[in-house]
Amino acid sequence: MTDIHPDQRVAVLADSQNLYHTAHSDYSRNIDYEGLLTEAVAGRELTRAIAYVIRADAPNEEDFFDALVDIGFETKIKAIKTFGDGSKKADWDVGMSLDAVTLADHVDTVVLCTGDGDFSRLCSHLRHEGVRVEVMAFGSSTAEELIDATDEFTDLAEDKEQFLL
């Protein structure tokens, strides 16, 4: 495992839907993205921060997207797909994975802010390529295989005042 040092180049990739659902269902609160980004960077050199969000045509949605940009995140926005049976789907798993693999040549550390176990294979790949992988998510809703595939796991529930509004 690579030690953390100020010269490390860091990319932070935040799965906003995953974080939102856990924060709301478990704590009835919102994510403090400024606190999240500060802790993810941890005094290192931020190369890129991307928040993957879903456009759901909800009230104040644009204000949220603008706030993310003001904090320092680039936003990647995807619309919800509605299928013929009325079911809806929107996720950024492939987009986040492609961005992580693309950024791997330009950073020392990738911080994934998600508890989705689908990213465990990505973590293993990045680590094999020599990239330090950190995950920040709520331990109660984070897949064990994701935690096992990282260099470091931060449970956001352990410091709710820093990570929740």
C-alpha atoms as a PDB file:
ATOM      1  CA  MET A   1       0.000   0.000   0.000  1.00  0.00           C
ATOM      2  CA  THR A   2       1.320   3.431  -0.950  1.00  0.00           C
ATOM      3  CA  ASP A   3       1.701   5.920   1.886  1.00  0.00           C
ATOM      4  CA  ILE A   4      -0.238   9.164   1.706  1.00  0.00           C
ATOM      5  CA  HIS A   5       1.913  12.227   1.007  1.00  0.00           C
ATOM      6  CA  PRO A   6       1.228  15.828  -0.131  1.00  0.00           C
ATOM      7  CA  ASP A   7       2.613  15.271  -3.635  1.00  0.00           C
ATOM      8  CA  GLN A   8       0.102  12.523  -4.449  1.00  0.00           C
ATOM      9  CA  ARG A   9      -2.200  13.335  -7.329  1.00  0.00           C
ATOM     10  CA  VAL A  10      -5.792  12.431  -6.455  1.00  0.00           C
ATOM     11  CA  ALA A  11      -8.970  11.929  -8.454  1.00  0.00           C
ATOM     12  CA  VAL A  12     -12.267  11.870  -6.538  1.00  0.00           C
ATOM     13  CA  LEU A  13     -15.243  10.149  -8.187  1.00  0.00           C
ATOM     14  CA  ALA A  14     -18.545  10.518  -6.318  1.00  0.00           C
ATOM     15  CA  ASP A  15     -21.554   8.301  -7.047  1.00  0.00           C
ATOM     16  CA  SER A  16     -24.131  10.864  -5.938  1.00  0.00           C
ATOM     17  CA  GLN A  17     -27.143   8.546  -6.214  1.00  0.00           C
ATOM     18  CA  ASN A  18     -25.554   5.896  -4.027  1.00  0.00           C
ATOM     19  CA  LEU A  19     -24.562   8.444  -1.372  1.00  0.00           C
ATOM     20  CA  TYR A  20     -27.908  10.247  -1.524  1.00  0.00           C
ATOM     21  CA  HIS A  21     -30.014   7.151  -1.002  1.00  0.00           C
ATOM     22  CA  THR A  22     -28.064   5.958   2.014  1.00  0.00           C
ATOM     23  CA  ALA A  23     -27.894   9.415   3.614  1.00  0.00           C
ATOM     24  CA  HIS A  24     -31.646   9.842   3.201  1.00  0.00           C
ATOM     25  CA  SER A  25     -32.787   6.350   4.127  1.00  0.00           C
ATOM     26  CA  ASP A  26     -30.463   5.891   7.128  1.00  0.00           C
ATOM     27  CA  TYR A  27     -30.118   9.453   8.450  1.00  0.00           C
ATOM     28  CA  SER A  28     -32.778  11.626   6.744  1.00  0.00           C
ATOM     29  CA  ARG A  29     -29.974  14.030   5.857  1.00  0.00           C
ATOM     30  CA  ASN A  30     -28.003  15.170   2.819  1.00  0.00           C
ATOM     31  CA  ILE A  31     -24.350  14.655   1.975  1.00  0.00           C
ATOM     32  CA  ASP A  32     -21.936  17.485   2.779  1.00  0.00           C
ATOM     33  CA  TYR A  33     -19.974  17.384  -0.468  1.00  0.00           C
ATOM     34  CA  GLU A  34     -17.538  20.028   0.716  1.00  0.00           C
ATOM     35  CA  GLY A  35     -16.607  17.908   3.741  1.00  0.00           C
ATOM     36  CA  LEU A  36     -16.465  14.824   1.539  1.00  0.00           C
ATOM     37  CA  LEU A  37     -14.083  16.452  -0.947  1.00  0.00           C
ATOM     38  CA  THR A  38     -11.869  17.908   1.780  1.00  0.00           C
ATOM     39  CA  GLU A  39     -11.467  14.523   3.455  1.00  0.00           C
ATOM     40  CA  ALA A  40     -10.991  12.703   0.138  1.00  0.00           C
ATOM     41  CA  VAL A  41      -8.192  15.029  -0.942  1.00  0.00           C
ATOM     42  CA  ALA A  42      -6.621  15.002   2.549  1.00  0.00           C
ATOM     43  CA  GLY A  43      -4.055  17.710   1.764  1.00  0.00           C
ATOM     44  CA  ARG A  44      -2.925  16.071  -1.466  1.00  0.00           C
ATOM     45  CA  GLU A  45      -2.971  17.499  -4.995  1.00  0.00           C
ATOM     46  CA  LEU A  46      -6.475  17.323  -6.478  1.00  0.00           C
ATOM     47  CA  THR A  47      -6.245  16.423 -10.148  1.00  0.00           C
ATOM     48  CA  ARG A  48      -9.960  16.008 -10.790  1.00  0.00           C
ATOM     49  CA  ALA A  49     -13.199  15.687  -8.823  1.00  0.00           C
ATOM     50  CA  ILE A  50     -16.282  14.383 -10.612  1.00  0.00           C
ATOM     51  CA  ALA A  51     -19.780  14.017  -9.181  1.00  0.00           C
ATOM     52  CA  TYR A  52     -21.998  11.672 -11.172  1.00  0.00           C
ATOM     53  CA  VAL A  53     -25.588  12.866 -10.860  1.00  0.00           C
ATOM     54  CA  ILE A  54     -28.986  11.937 -12.214  1.00  0.00           C
ATOM     55  CA  ARG A  55     -31.391  14.474 -13.671  1.00  0.00           C
ATOM     56  CA  ALA A  56     -34.788  13.624 -12.212  1.00  0.00           C
ATOM     57  CA  ASP A  57     -36.519  16.975 -12.830  1.00  0.00           C
ATOM     58  CA  ALA A  58     -36.769  17.480  -9.085  1.00  0.00           C
ATOM     59  CA  PRO A  59     -37.206  20.892  -7.464  1.00  0.00           C
ATOM     60  CA  ASN A  60     -33.916  22.717  -6.802  1.00  0.00           C
ATOM     61  CA  GLU A  61     -31.999  20.128  -8.821  1.00  0.00           C
ATOM     62  CA  GLU A  62     -30.098  22.769 -10.793  1.00  0.00           C
ATOM     63  CA  ASP A  63     -29.155  24.535  -7.549  1.00  0.00           C
ATOM     64  CA  PHE A  64     -27.654  21.266  -6.308  1.00  0.00           C
ATOM     65  CA  PHE A  65     -25.686  20.789  -9.536  1.00  0.00           C
ATOM     66  CA  ASP A  66     -24.419  24.388  -9.332  1.00  0.00           C
ATOM     67  CA  ALA A  67     -23.420  23.910  -5.682  1.00  0.00           C
ATOM     68  CA  LEU A  68     -21.353  20.860  -6.620  1.00  0.00           C
ATOM     69  CA  VAL A  69     -19.485  22.939  -9.209  1.00  0.00           C
ATOM     70  CA  ASP A  70     -18.927  25.740  -6.679  1.00  0.00           C
ATOM     71  CA  ILE A  71     -17.423  23.202  -4.238  1.00  0.00           C
ATOM     72  CA  GLY A  72     -14.984  21.983  -6.893  1.00  0.00           C
ATOM     73  CA  PHE A  73     -16.696  19.055  -8.582  1.00  0.00           C
ATOM     74  CA  GLU A  74     -17.171  18.663 -12.282  1.00  0.00           C
ATOM     75  CA  THR A  75     -20.687  17.289 -12.759  1.00  0.00           C
ATOM     76  CA  LYS A  76     -21.606  14.555 -15.178  1.00  0.00           C
ATOM     77  CA  ILE A  77     -25.347  14.447 -15.598  1.00  0.00           C
ATOM     78  CA  LYS A  78     -27.484  11.605 -16.896  1.00  0.00           C
ATOM     79  CA  ALA A  79     -31.254  11.567 -17.330  1.00  0.00           C
ATOM     80  CA  ILE A  80     -33.403   8.832 -15.839  1.00  0.00           C
ATOM     81  CA  LYS A  81     -34.547   6.292 -18.431  1.00  0.00           C
ATOM     82  CA  THR A  82     -38.176   5.243 -18.195  1.00  0.00           C
ATOM     83  CA  PHE A  83     -39.051   1.880 -19.709  1.00  0.00           C
ATOM     84  CA  GLY A  84     -42.333   0.708 -21.226  1.00  0.00           C
ATOM     85  CA  ASP A  85     -43.350  -1.088 -18.028  1.00  0.00           C
ATOM     86  CA  GLY A  86     -42.928   2.142 -16.045  1.00  0.00           C
ATOM     87  CA  SER A  87     -39.700   1.076 -14.372  1.00  0.00           C
ATOM     88  CA  LYS A  88     -36.878   3.590 -14.225  1.00  0.00           C
ATOM     89  CA  LYS A  89     -33.130   3.223 -14.303  1.00  0.00           C
ATOM     90  CA  ALA A  90     -30.174   5.535 -14.155  1.00  0.00           C
ATOM     91  CA  ASP A  91     -26.694   4.719 -12.996  1.00  0.00           C
ATOM     92  CA  TRP A  92     -23.174   5.754 -13.747  1.00  0.00           C
ATOM     93  CA  ASP A  93     -21.309   2.490 -13.103  1.00  0.00           C
ATOM     94  CA  VAL A  94     -19.819   2.209 -16.588  1.00  0.00           C
ATOM     95  CA  GLY A  95     -19.081   5.942 -16.848  1.00  0.00           C
ATOM     96  CA  MET A  96     -17.358   6.052 -13.470  1.00  0.00           C
ATOM     97  CA  SER A  97     -15.345   2.952 -14.291  1.00  0.00           C
ATOM     98  CA  LEU A  98     -14.205   4.313 -17.647  1.00  0.00           C
ATOM     99  CA  ASP A  99     -13.224   7.626 -16.080  1.00  0.00           C
ATOM    100  CA  ALA A 100     -11.279   5.850 -13.316  1.00  0.00           C
ATOM    101  CA  VAL A 101      -9.369   3.711 -15.807  1.00  0.00           C
ATOM    102  CA  THR A 102      -8.663   6.742 -18.004  1.00  0.00           C
ATOM    103  CA  LEU A 103      -7.486   8.826 -15.041  1.00  0.00           C
ATOM    104  CA  ALA A 104      -5.288   6.019 -13.677  1.00  0.00           C
ATOM    105  CA  ASP A 105      -2.345   7.109 -15.859  1.00  0.00           C
ATOM    106  CA  HIS A 106      -2.583  10.665 -14.494  1.00  0.00           C
ATOM    107  CA  VAL A 107      -3.059  10.137 -10.749  1.00  0.00           C
ATOM    108  CA  ASP A 108      -1.528   8.244  -7.859  1.00  0.00           C
ATOM    109  CA  THR A 109      -4.810   7.717  -5.993  1.00  0.00           C
ATOM    110  CA  VAL A 110      -8.433   7.282  -6.984  1.00  0.00           C
ATOM    111  CA  VAL A 111     -11.020   7.929  -4.286  1.00  0.00           C
ATOM    112  CA  LEU A 112     -14.361   6.304  -5.052  1.00  0.00           C
ATOM    113  CA  CYS A 113     -17.265   7.705  -3.058  1.00  0.00           C
ATOM    114  CA  THR A 114     -19.720   4.828  -3.331  1.00  0.00           C
ATOM    115  CA  GLY A 115     -20.697   1.671  -1.528  1.00  0.00           C
ATOM    116  CA  ASP A 116     -21.649  -0.202  -4.691  1.00  0.00           C
ATOM    117  CA  GLY A 117     -20.011  -3.620  -4.818  1.00  0.00           C
ATOM    118  CA  ASP A 118     -20.017  -3.491  -8.613  1.00  0.00           C
ATOM    119  CA  PHE A 119     -16.872  -1.365  -8.290  1.00  0.00           C
ATOM    120  CA  SER A 120     -14.828  -4.049  -6.523  1.00  0.00           C
ATOM    121  CA  ARG A 121     -13.423  -5.388  -9.807  1.00  0.00           C
ATOM    122  CA  LEU A 122     -12.480  -1.834 -10.816  1.00  0.00           C
ATOM    123  CA  CYS A 123     -10.612  -1.404  -7.512  1.00  0.00           C
ATOM    124  CA  SER A 124      -8.686  -4.612  -8.081  1.00  0.00           C
ATOM    125  CA  HIS A 125      -7.750  -3.515 -11.596  1.00  0.00           C
ATOM    126  CA  LEU A 126      -6.604  -0.053 -10.500  1.00  0.00           C
ATOM    127  CA  ARG A 127      -4.512  -1.497  -7.673  1.00  0.00           C
ATOM    128  CA  HIS A 128      -2.951  -3.972 -10.103  1.00  0.00           C
ATOM    129  CA  GLU A 129      -1.977  -0.970 -12.238  1.00  0.00           C
ATOM    130  CA  GLY A 130      -0.230   0.628  -9.237  1.00  0.00           C
ATOM    131  CA  VAL A 131      -2.933   3.129  -8.331  1.00  0.00           C
ATOM    132  CA  ARG A 132      -3.883   3.542  -4.678  1.00  0.00           C
ATOM    133  CA  VAL A 133      -7.642   3.078  -4.246  1.00  0.00           C
ATOM    134  CA  GLU A 134      -9.640   4.568  -1.413  1.00  0.00           C
ATOM    135  CA  VAL A 135     -13.372   4.210  -0.870  1.00  0.00           C
ATOM    136  CA  MET A 136     -15.562   6.560   1.144  1.00  0.00           C
ATOM    137  CA  ALA A 137     -19.104   5.411   1.871  1.00  0.00           C
ATOM    138  CA  PHE A 138     -21.475   4.444   4.647  1.00  0.00           C
ATOM    139  CA  GLY A 139     -20.299   1.165   6.126  1.00  0.00           C
ATOM    140  CA  SER A 140     -23.859  -0.073   6.681  1.00  0.00           C
ATOM    141  CA  SER A 141     -24.562  -0.021   2.953  1.00  0.00           C
ATOM    142  CA  THR A 142     -21.136  -0.786   1.518  1.00  0.00           C
ATOM    143  CA  ALA A 143     -20.517  -4.159  -0.078  1.00  0.00           C
ATOM    144  CA  GLU A 144     -17.923  -6.208   1.782  1.00  0.00           C
ATOM    145  CA  GLU A 145     -16.182  -7.113  -1.485  1.00  0.00           C
ATOM    146  CA  LEU A 146     -15.687  -3.407  -2.205  1.00  0.00           C
ATOM    147  CA  ILE A 147     -14.104  -2.785   1.191  1.00  0.00           C
ATOM    148  CA  ASP A 148     -11.837  -5.807   0.696  1.00  0.00           C
ATOM    149  CA  ALA A 149     -10.703  -4.536  -2.720  1.00  0.00           C
ATOM    150  CA  THR A 150      -9.449  -1.145  -1.479  1.00  0.00           C
ATOM    151  CA  ASP A 151      -6.292   0.188   0.106  1.00  0.00           C
ATOM    152  CA  GLU A 152      -8.348   2.240   2.560  1.00  0.00           C
ATOM    153  CA  PHE A 153     -12.015   2.478   3.505  1.00  0.00           C
ATOM    154  CA  THR A 154     -13.546   5.503   5.244  1.00  0.00           C
ATOM    155  CA  ASP A 155     -16.925   4.914   6.864  1.00  0.00           C
ATOM    156  CA  LEU A 156     -18.808   8.197   6.522  1.00  0.00           C
ATOM    157  CA  ALA A 157     -21.075   7.190   9.406  1.00  0.00           C
ATOM    158  CA  GLU A 158     -18.153   7.472  11.825  1.00  0.00           C
ATOM    159  CA  ASP A 159     -18.096  11.281  11.392  1.00  0.00           C
ATOM    160  CA  LYS A 160     -21.650  12.277  10.511  1.00  0.00           C
ATOM    161  CA  GLU A 161     -21.019  15.923  11.382  1.00  0.00           C
ATOM    162  CA  GLN A 162     -18.335  16.205   8.712  1.00  0.00           C
ATOM    163  CA  PHE A 163     -20.147  14.285   6.003  1.00  0.00           C
ATOM    164  CA  LEU A 164     -23.847  15.023   6.528  1.00  0.00           C
ATOM    165  CA  LEU A 165     -25.860  18.246   6.435  1.00  0.00           C
END
